[in-house]
Amino acid sequence: MNIILHRLEVWKRLETAQASVDEGKAVDVAFLDFSKAFDTVPHSILLDKLSSCEVSRYTACWVKNWLKGRAQRVVVNGATSGWQLVTSGAPQGSILGPVLFNIFINDLDAGVEGTISKFADDTKLGGAVDSLEGQEALQRDLGRLEHWAITNGMKFNKNKCGILGWSKPRRKGPGGAGRQQAQPLVRPHLEYCVQFWAPPFKKDVKVLECVQRRAIKLVKGLEGMSYEELLRTLGLSGLEKRRLRGHLIARYSFLRRGSGEGGADLFSKDMWEWFKAASGEVRT
């Protein structure tokens, strides 16, 4: 549910950008990605930030003891290197790891003039750039983020960073721009690792679907249409249908490439035969 709430917050920020576009302004959104984010968090800086979060000294001491004393080595063809202490990184695969990383980047937006959205190692920075002042402000913000990364022992992966220009479309037909905006800006937030956190309750499914509903209802020229009509016009699918499709693809990939016949124990006989038929392994 926390992830859903975060997605709603992201959408609120996107609505702010859409409002600027509706006013005739041009908006640039910078998509930023930290290089090996979870592996490069310096423990010393992380512990300093943890102490400044007003957590009890017992909690800070417990986290410190949890992080220290870790070591790693390399094994190649039976040959091993010496053990080296691990002095950086938020342990992945744990519940506490992402929490510590969010504490680490909590001050990332200090002094930022534009609109920023941060979630784990995924950061977005946006602002109106229809004027020279707006362009300079966005550039200053990017400089602040770069300075923050250097100060905190981090680095942006420039190959995965990019700028998305967002302006009012100059076209006669409705819908095209709305689909272009909904797919890269909205859906990635709603479907990241969805196989692990897909909502099991109808009320949460409705909340999630409302995000896409609100997104595509902003498309100019399609006012007054129902949600189903908008989906058909834009050539999109409902999120629940896409999740079902994703689940089937994931299970198919597991059975096809991962476990082979051993996966039969995970499903009923009828379901197993259906998967085999779908993968082309059953021939008549």
Protein backbone atom coordinates (compact mmCIF):
# COMPACT_ATOMS: atom_id res chain seq x y z
CA MET A 1 0.00 0.00 0.00
CA ASN A 2 2.95 2.33 0.65
CA ILE A 3 4.03 1.86 -2.96
CA ILE A 4 0.52 2.75 -4.16
CA LEU A 5 0.55 5.90 -2.05
CA HIS A 6 3.93 6.81 -3.53
CA ARG A 7 2.58 6.36 -7.03
CA LEU A 8 -0.32 8.70 -6.21
CA GLU A 9 2.15 11.29 -4.96
CA VAL A 10 4.14 10.95 -8.18
CA TRP A 11 0.98 11.49 -10.16
CA LYS A 12 0.18 14.66 -8.21
CA ARG A 13 3.55 16.00 -9.29
CA LEU A 14 2.85 15.02 -12.88
CA GLU A 15 -0.45 16.88 -12.67
CA THR A 16 1.52 20.00 -11.73
CA ALA A 17 3.64 19.55 -14.85
CA GLN A 18 0.49 18.99 -16.94
CA ALA A 19 -0.99 22.22 -15.56
CA SER A 20 2.09 24.11 -16.76
CA VAL A 21 1.75 22.50 -20.19
CA ASP A 22 -1.93 23.47 -20.35
CA GLU A 23 -0.88 27.06 -19.71
CA GLY A 24 1.24 26.89 -22.84
CA LYS A 25 4.57 26.37 -21.08
CA ALA A 26 7.24 23.89 -22.09
CA VAL A 27 8.33 21.47 -19.36
CA ASP A 28 11.49 19.38 -19.22
CA VAL A 29 11.66 16.31 -16.99
CA ALA A 30 15.09 14.86 -16.22
CA PHE A 31 15.13 11.13 -15.51
CA LEU A 32 18.14 10.36 -13.32
CA ASP A 33 19.60 7.02 -12.27
CA PHE A 34 22.34 6.39 -9.74
CA SER A 35 25.11 4.04 -10.79
CA LYS A 36 25.06 0.89 -8.61
CA ALA A 37 23.07 2.87 -6.08
CA PHE A 38 22.53 0.29 -3.36
CA ASP A 39 26.11 -0.98 -3.56
CA THR A 40 27.90 2.38 -3.22
CA VAL A 41 26.21 3.96 -0.18
CA PRO A 42 29.09 4.79 2.22
CA HIS A 43 28.30 3.37 5.65
CA SER A 44 29.93 6.29 7.48
CA ILE A 45 27.75 8.91 5.75
CA LEU A 46 24.65 6.72 6.10
CA LEU A 47 25.15 6.36 9.86
CA ASP A 48 25.65 10.13 10.22
CA LYS A 49 22.36 10.76 8.42
CA LEU A 50 20.63 8.11 10.48
CA SER A 51 21.71 9.87 13.67
CA SER A 52 20.32 13.17 12.37
CA CYS A 53 16.88 11.57 11.84
CA GLU A 54 16.21 11.68 15.59
CA VAL A 55 16.19 7.90 15.93
CA SER A 56 17.18 6.58 19.33
CA ARG A 57 20.84 5.92 19.94
CA TYR A 58 19.98 2.27 20.56
CA THR A 59 18.48 1.97 17.07
CA ALA A 60 21.45 3.76 15.50
CA CYS A 61 23.82 1.45 17.38
CA TRP A 62 21.86 -1.61 16.26
CA VAL A 63 22.02 -0.54 12.59
CA LYS A 64 25.73 0.17 12.93
CA ASN A 65 26.34 -3.32 14.32
CA TRP A 66 24.20 -4.78 11.53
CA LEU A 67 26.30 -3.06 8.84
CA LYS A 68 29.80 -3.50 10.24
CA GLY A 69 31.83 -6.69 10.18
CA ARG A 70 30.75 -7.69 6.68
CA ALA A 71 33.40 -9.10 4.37
CA GLN A 72 33.55 -10.46 0.85
CA ARG A 73 35.93 -12.28 -1.45
CA VAL A 74 36.10 -13.47 -5.06
CA VAL A 75 36.23 -17.11 -6.12
CA VAL A 76 37.28 -17.99 -9.70
CA ASN A 77 37.77 -21.61 -10.77
CA GLY A 78 38.44 -22.66 -7.20
CA ALA A 79 40.99 -19.88 -6.57
CA THR A 80 39.98 -17.40 -3.86
CA SER A 81 41.07 -13.88 -3.07
CA GLY A 82 41.61 -12.52 0.40
CA TRP A 83 38.73 -11.25 2.48
CA GLN A 84 37.98 -7.53 2.23
CA LEU A 85 35.78 -5.53 4.59
CA VAL A 86 32.61 -4.09 3.06
CA THR A 87 32.40 -0.39 3.90
CA SER A 88 29.59 0.62 1.58
CA GLY A 89 26.23 -0.57 0.34
CA ALA A 90 22.73 -0.99 1.68
CA PRO A 91 22.21 -4.78 1.93
CA GLN A 92 19.77 -5.84 -0.76
CA GLY A 93 17.18 -8.53 -0.26
CA SER A 94 16.38 -7.18 3.20
CA ILE A 95 13.49 -5.06 4.44
CA LEU A 96 15.83 -2.60 6.14
CA GLY A 97 18.03 -2.03 3.07
CA PRO A 98 15.56 0.12 1.06
CA VAL A 99 14.59 2.00 4.24
CA LEU A 100 18.21 2.92 4.88
CA PHE A 101 18.66 3.99 1.27
CA ASN A 102 15.63 6.28 1.48
CA ILE A 103 17.11 7.83 4.62
CA PHE A 104 20.39 8.28 2.76
CA ILE A 105 18.76 10.24 -0.12
CA ASN A 106 16.34 12.14 2.12
CA ASP A 107 18.29 15.40 1.71
CA LEU A 108 18.72 14.99 -2.04
CA ASP A 109 16.18 17.75 -2.75
CA ALA A 110 17.77 20.34 -0.43
CA GLY A 111 17.77 23.70 -2.20
CA VAL A 112 16.13 22.36 -5.36
CA GLU A 113 13.97 24.98 -7.10
CA GLY A 114 12.01 22.70 -9.42
CA THR A 115 9.76 19.71 -8.82
CA ILE A 116 11.57 16.57 -7.77
CA SER A 117 10.34 13.02 -7.21
CA LYS A 118 12.60 10.47 -5.57
CA PHE A 119 11.99 6.78 -4.99
CA ALA A 120 14.94 4.53 -4.23
CA ASP A 121 17.50 5.08 -7.02
CA ASP A 122 14.89 6.50 -9.40
CA THR A 123 14.83 10.31 -9.38
CA LYS A 124 12.92 12.74 -11.58
CA LEU A 125 13.47 16.48 -11.75
CA GLY A 126 11.18 18.79 -13.69
CA GLY A 127 10.54 22.44 -14.36
CA ALA A 128 9.15 24.92 -16.88
CA VAL A 129 11.78 25.82 -19.49
CA ASP A 130 9.86 28.20 -21.73
CA SER A 131 11.95 31.10 -20.41
CA LEU A 132 15.68 31.64 -19.93
CA GLU A 133 15.15 31.88 -16.17
CA GLY A 134 13.41 28.49 -16.13
CA GLN A 135 16.17 26.87 -18.16
CA GLU A 136 18.85 28.28 -15.86
CA ALA A 137 16.90 27.14 -12.77
CA LEU A 138 16.70 23.57 -14.09
CA GLN A 139 20.40 23.63 -14.88
CA ARG A 140 21.18 24.88 -11.37
CA ASP A 141 19.11 22.05 -9.91
CA LEU A 142 21.00 19.50 -11.98
CA GLY A 143 24.23 21.02 -10.72
CA ARG A 144 22.99 20.74 -7.11
CA LEU A 145 22.14 17.06 -7.62
CA GLU A 146 25.55 16.41 -9.16
CA HIS A 147 27.23 18.15 -6.22
CA TRP A 148 25.12 16.09 -3.79
CA ALA A 149 26.19 12.88 -5.52
CA ILE A 150 29.87 13.76 -5.34
CA THR A 151 29.64 14.86 -1.70
CA ASN A 152 27.86 11.66 -0.71
CA GLY A 153 30.13 9.27 -2.59
CA MET A 154 27.57 8.51 -5.30
CA LYS A 155 27.59 8.80 -9.08
CA PHE A 156 24.92 9.17 -11.74
CA ASN A 157 24.84 6.64 -14.57
CA LYS A 158 24.83 9.06 -17.49
CA ASN A 159 23.92 6.30 -19.95
CA LYS A 160 20.61 5.81 -18.13
CA CYS A 161 19.82 9.50 -17.60
CA GLY A 162 17.76 11.48 -20.07
CA ILE A 163 15.52 14.47 -20.64
CA LEU A 164 11.89 14.28 -21.70
CA GLY A 165 10.46 17.45 -23.26
CA TRP A 166 6.78 18.02 -22.55
CA SER A 167 4.81 20.68 -24.36
CA LYS A 168 1.35 21.26 -25.73
CA PRO A 169 0.99 19.18 -28.92
CA ARG A 170 0.43 21.00 -32.18
CA ARG A 171 -1.72 18.46 -33.95
CA LYS A 172 -5.30 18.13 -35.08
CA GLY A 173 -6.10 14.59 -33.97
CA PRO A 174 -6.62 13.95 -30.25
CA GLY A 175 -5.13 11.21 -28.16
CA GLY A 176 -1.66 10.60 -29.57
CA ALA A 177 0.18 12.83 -27.12
CA GLY A 178 -1.86 11.47 -24.22
CA ARG A 179 -0.76 7.93 -24.97
CA GLN A 180 2.87 9.02 -25.34
CA GLN A 181 2.68 10.66 -21.91
CA ALA A 182 0.76 7.91 -20.12
CA GLN A 183 3.06 5.09 -21.21
CA PRO A 184 6.50 6.45 -20.17
CA LEU A 185 5.38 8.68 -17.29
CA VAL A 186 2.63 6.75 -15.55
CA ARG A 187 2.79 3.04 -16.25
CA PRO A 188 6.40 2.41 -15.16
CA HIS A 189 5.46 3.62 -11.67
CA LEU A 190 2.39 1.43 -11.56
CA GLU A 191 4.00 -1.76 -12.84
CA TYR A 192 7.53 -1.86 -11.42
CA CYS A 193 8.03 -5.38 -9.92
CA VAL A 194 4.25 -5.68 -9.89
CA GLN A 195 4.41 -9.47 -9.64
CA PHE A 196 5.65 -9.04 -6.06
CA TRP A 197 3.32 -6.33 -4.77
CA ALA A 198 0.15 -6.60 -6.91
CA PRO A 199 -2.80 -5.59 -4.68
CA PRO A 200 -4.95 -8.57 -3.62
CA PHE A 201 -7.95 -6.52 -2.45
CA LYS A 202 -10.54 -4.93 -4.72
CA LYS A 203 -10.35 -1.59 -2.93
CA ASP A 204 -6.60 -1.35 -3.64
CA VAL A 205 -7.10 -2.50 -7.23
CA LYS A 206 -9.56 0.38 -7.70
CA VAL A 207 -7.15 2.89 -6.17
CA LEU A 208 -4.42 1.79 -8.56
CA GLU A 209 -6.71 1.87 -11.57
CA CYS A 210 -7.77 5.41 -10.62
CA VAL A 211 -4.23 6.63 -11.27
CA GLN A 212 -4.35 5.60 -14.94
CA ARG A 213 -7.96 6.80 -15.19
CA ARG A 214 -6.97 10.26 -14.01
CA ALA A 215 -3.96 10.28 -16.32
CA ILE A 216 -5.77 9.55 -19.57
CA LYS A 217 -8.71 11.81 -18.72
CA LEU A 218 -6.29 14.73 -19.05
CA VAL A 219 -5.90 14.03 -22.76
CA LYS A 220 -7.19 16.99 -24.69
CA GLY A 221 -9.90 16.35 -27.27
CA LEU A 222 -11.28 13.27 -25.54
CA GLU A 223 -13.33 14.96 -22.84
CA GLY A 224 -16.64 13.33 -21.93
CA MET A 225 -15.60 9.78 -22.78
CA SER A 226 -15.92 6.95 -20.29
CA TYR A 227 -12.81 5.17 -19.04
CA GLU A 228 -13.46 2.16 -21.29
CA GLU A 229 -13.95 4.40 -24.34
CA LEU A 230 -10.72 6.23 -23.58
CA LEU A 231 -8.81 2.96 -23.34
CA ARG A 232 -10.14 1.82 -26.72
CA THR A 233 -9.43 5.18 -28.37
CA LEU A 234 -5.85 5.32 -27.05
CA GLY A 235 -5.20 1.64 -27.68
CA LEU A 236 -4.47 0.97 -24.01
CA SER A 237 -5.49 -1.77 -21.58
CA GLY A 238 -6.70 -1.59 -18.01
CA LEU A 239 -4.01 -2.11 -15.39
CA GLU A 240 -5.69 -5.20 -13.94
CA LYS A 241 -5.70 -6.87 -17.36
CA ARG A 242 -2.05 -5.97 -17.87
CA ARG A 243 -1.13 -7.44 -14.48
CA LEU A 244 -2.89 -10.70 -15.37
CA ARG A 245 -1.01 -10.80 -18.67
CA GLY A 246 2.26 -10.12 -16.82
CA HIS A 247 1.59 -12.92 -14.34
CA LEU A 248 0.93 -15.39 -17.16
CA ILE A 249 4.09 -14.34 -19.00
CA ALA A 250 6.18 -14.69 -15.82
CA ARG A 251 4.79 -18.15 -15.09
CA TYR A 252 5.23 -19.21 -18.68
CA SER A 253 8.87 -18.07 -18.62
CA PHE A 254 9.46 -19.95 -15.37
CA LEU A 255 7.96 -23.16 -16.68
CA ARG A 256 9.48 -22.85 -20.13
CA ARG A 257 13.02 -21.85 -19.22
CA GLY A 258 13.42 -22.21 -15.47
CA SER A 259 12.14 -25.41 -13.93
CA GLY A 260 11.06 -27.55 -16.87
CA GLU A 261 8.90 -30.49 -15.88
CA GLY A 262 9.71 -29.81 -12.22
CA GLY A 263 7.32 -26.87 -12.32
CA ALA A 264 4.38 -29.24 -12.69
CA ASP A 265 4.21 -29.62 -8.92
CA LEU A 266 3.33 -25.95 -8.57
CA PHE A 267 0.10 -26.07 -10.59
CA SER A 268 -2.92 -28.30 -11.07
CA LYS A 269 -2.80 -30.88 -13.84
CA ASP A 270 -5.19 -28.92 -16.07
CA MET A 271 -3.22 -25.71 -15.64
CA TRP A 272 0.06 -27.52 -16.34
CA GLU A 273 -1.33 -28.98 -19.58
CA TRP A 274 -2.55 -25.51 -20.57
CA PHE A 275 0.92 -24.05 -20.08
CA LYS A 276 2.52 -26.84 -22.06
CA ALA A 277 0.06 -26.33 -24.88
CA ALA A 278 0.66 -22.57 -24.85
CA SER A 279 4.42 -23.11 -25.09
CA GLY A 280 4.10 -25.40 -28.09
CA GLU A 281 5.18 -28.52 -26.24
CA VAL A 282 1.88 -30.33 -26.86
CA ARG A 283 1.23 -31.31 -30.44
CA THR A 284 -1.82 -33.12 -31.83
